[in-house]
C-alpha cells in the first residue's frame, strides 16, 4: 500500500530514510522493525518485491529478529515471493535461521506450506545455496 499511495517517489523515500539497510535497529519505527522488502514479501506483493530489489534492497536484509524476507515469505506461504527471493539471494542457504533459531524450511513446514517445503527441499538436494 505504501508503494501505491506514494507513487514513484516511494522507493526513493524509503532509500533516503535508510530503510534498505540491513541494520535491524534502523528499522525500529518501520512497522515493527520490518523492512519494506519483508513487508512486501509477507503480503505476497511480487511486483513490489521486484521493485524494491531493483531499487537497492537486498534479499539478505533482516528485521529486528534476524528474519529475512525469504524466511517470512516461507512462514506466510507466499510461494511466488519465495521463488523470486531465492533467485536473488546473495548468501546463506535454505537452512538460514532467524526467528527463534528456525530455518526457512522449518517455518514453511510449521505452517503447512507444502509447495514451499518442496521448493526449498529441491534447492537443498541440488546443493544450491541462497
Protein backbone atom coordinates (compact mmCIF):
# COMPACT_ATOMS: atom_id res chain seq x y z
CA UNK A 1 0.00 0.00 0.00
CA UNK A 2 2.88 2.36 0.80
CA UNK A 3 4.24 1.95 -2.73
CA UNK A 4 0.84 2.59 -4.28
CA UNK A 5 -0.05 5.55 -2.05
CA UNK A 6 3.22 7.34 -2.56
CA UNK A 7 3.69 6.53 -6.24
CA UNK A 8 7.09 6.57 -7.87
CA UNK A 9 8.72 8.51 -5.04
CA UNK A 10 8.11 5.73 -2.51
CA UNK A 11 11.27 3.83 -3.37
CA UNK A 12 13.39 6.96 -3.24
CA UNK A 13 11.86 8.00 0.06
CA UNK A 14 12.41 4.55 1.57
CA UNK A 15 16.01 4.52 0.36
CA UNK A 16 16.62 8.07 1.65
CA UNK A 17 15.30 7.04 5.08
CA UNK A 18 17.76 4.14 5.17
CA UNK A 19 15.04 1.51 5.06
CA UNK A 20 17.06 -0.71 2.73
CA UNK A 21 19.85 -1.04 5.26
CA UNK A 22 20.44 -4.45 6.80
CA UNK A 23 20.90 -2.96 10.28
CA UNK A 24 17.76 -4.00 12.18
CA UNK A 25 17.89 -1.20 14.73
CA UNK A 26 17.45 1.33 11.95
CA UNK A 27 14.02 -0.15 11.22
CA UNK A 28 12.62 0.14 14.73
CA UNK A 29 9.96 2.65 13.72
CA UNK A 30 9.04 0.94 10.44
CA UNK A 31 6.15 -1.45 11.11
CA UNK A 32 7.70 -3.41 13.95
CA UNK A 33 11.22 -3.38 12.59
CA UNK A 34 10.31 -4.96 9.25
CA UNK A 35 11.94 -3.68 6.10
CA UNK A 36 9.77 -2.68 3.12
CA UNK A 37 11.06 -5.81 1.35
CA UNK A 38 9.90 -8.05 4.19
CA UNK A 39 6.51 -6.36 4.26
CA UNK A 40 6.06 -6.80 0.51
CA UNK A 41 7.11 -10.47 0.70
CA UNK A 42 4.78 -11.24 3.62
CA UNK A 43 1.88 -9.64 1.77
CA UNK A 44 2.68 -11.60 -1.40
CA UNK A 45 3.31 -8.47 -3.46
CA UNK A 46 5.71 -9.88 -6.02
CA UNK A 47 5.84 -6.72 -8.14
CA UNK A 48 6.77 -4.65 -5.07
CA UNK A 49 9.44 -7.21 -4.13
CA UNK A 50 10.94 -6.81 -7.60
CA UNK A 51 10.81 -3.03 -7.45
CA UNK A 52 12.42 -2.92 -4.02
CA UNK A 53 15.25 -5.24 -5.06
CA UNK A 54 15.81 -3.17 -8.21
CA UNK A 55 15.92 0.00 -6.08
CA UNK A 56 18.65 -1.31 -3.81
CA UNK A 57 17.08 -3.53 -1.17
CA UNK A 58 18.89 -6.83 -0.69
CA UNK A 59 17.41 -10.27 -0.11
CA UNK A 60 19.62 -10.64 2.97
CA UNK A 61 18.12 -7.62 4.79
CA UNK A 62 16.77 -8.65 8.20
CA UNK A 63 14.15 -7.49 10.68
CA UNK A 64 14.78 -6.98 14.40
CA UNK A 65 14.56 -10.74 14.99
CA UNK A 66 17.03 -11.56 12.24
CA UNK A 67 14.45 -12.85 9.76
CA UNK A 68 14.91 -12.24 6.05
CA UNK A 69 12.13 -11.58 3.55
CA UNK A 70 12.61 -15.15 2.31
CA UNK A 71 12.05 -16.57 5.77
CA UNK A 72 8.92 -14.51 6.38
CA UNK A 73 7.54 -15.40 2.94
CA UNK A 74 8.12 -19.08 3.78
CA UNK A 75 6.27 -18.63 7.05
CA UNK A 76 3.31 -16.92 5.36
CA UNK A 77 3.11 -19.29 2.38
CA UNK A 78 3.95 -16.82 -0.37
CA UNK A 79 5.49 -19.24 -2.90
CA UNK A 80 5.99 -16.76 -5.75
CA UNK A 81 7.86 -14.40 -3.43
CA UNK A 82 9.93 -17.29 -2.03
CA UNK A 83 10.92 -18.34 -5.54
CA UNK A 84 11.79 -14.79 -6.58
CA UNK A 85 13.77 -14.05 -3.42
CA UNK A 86 15.60 -17.38 -3.69
CA UNK A 87 16.72 -16.38 -7.18
CA UNK A 88 18.01 -13.05 -5.84
CA UNK A 89 19.54 -14.12 -2.52
CA UNK A 90 23.18 -13.10 -2.06
CA UNK A 91 24.30 -15.62 0.53
CA UNK A 92 23.20 -18.22 3.01
CA UNK A 93 21.19 -21.34 2.42
CA UNK A 94 17.73 -22.73 2.89
CA UNK A 95 18.74 -23.53 6.44
CA UNK A 96 19.28 -19.88 7.35
CA UNK A 97 17.99 -19.33 10.84
CA UNK A 98 16.40 -16.30 12.37
CA UNK A 99 13.18 -16.32 14.34
CA UNK A 100 13.98 -18.31 17.48
CA UNK A 101 16.58 -20.31 15.53
CA UNK A 102 14.07 -21.56 12.96
CA UNK A 103 15.19 -22.33 9.43
CA UNK A 104 13.22 -21.13 6.40
CA UNK A 105 12.12 -24.68 5.60
CA UNK A 106 11.04 -25.17 9.23
CA UNK A 107 8.87 -22.07 9.08
CA UNK A 108 7.17 -23.37 5.93
CA UNK A 109 6.73 -26.81 7.48
CA UNK A 110 5.33 -25.50 10.74
CA UNK A 111 2.69 -23.60 8.81
CA UNK A 112 1.78 -26.40 6.37
CA UNK A 113 3.10 -24.78 3.19
CA UNK A 114 3.89 -27.97 1.27
CA UNK A 115 4.71 -26.28 -2.06
CA UNK A 116 7.35 -24.14 -0.36
CA UNK A 117 8.77 -27.14 1.50
CA UNK A 118 9.09 -28.99 -1.82
CA UNK A 119 10.73 -25.99 -3.49
CA UNK A 120 13.28 -25.50 -0.69
CA UNK A 121 13.99 -29.23 -0.48
CA UNK A 122 14.76 -29.28 -4.22
CA UNK A 123 17.23 -26.44 -3.75
CA UNK A 124 18.89 -28.29 -0.88
CA UNK A 125 19.07 -31.59 -2.83
CA UNK A 126 20.70 -29.77 -5.73
CA UNK A 127 23.33 -28.45 -3.33
CA UNK A 128 22.45 -24.86 -4.17
CA UNK A 129 22.64 -22.07 -1.65
CA UNK A 130 20.51 -18.99 -1.35
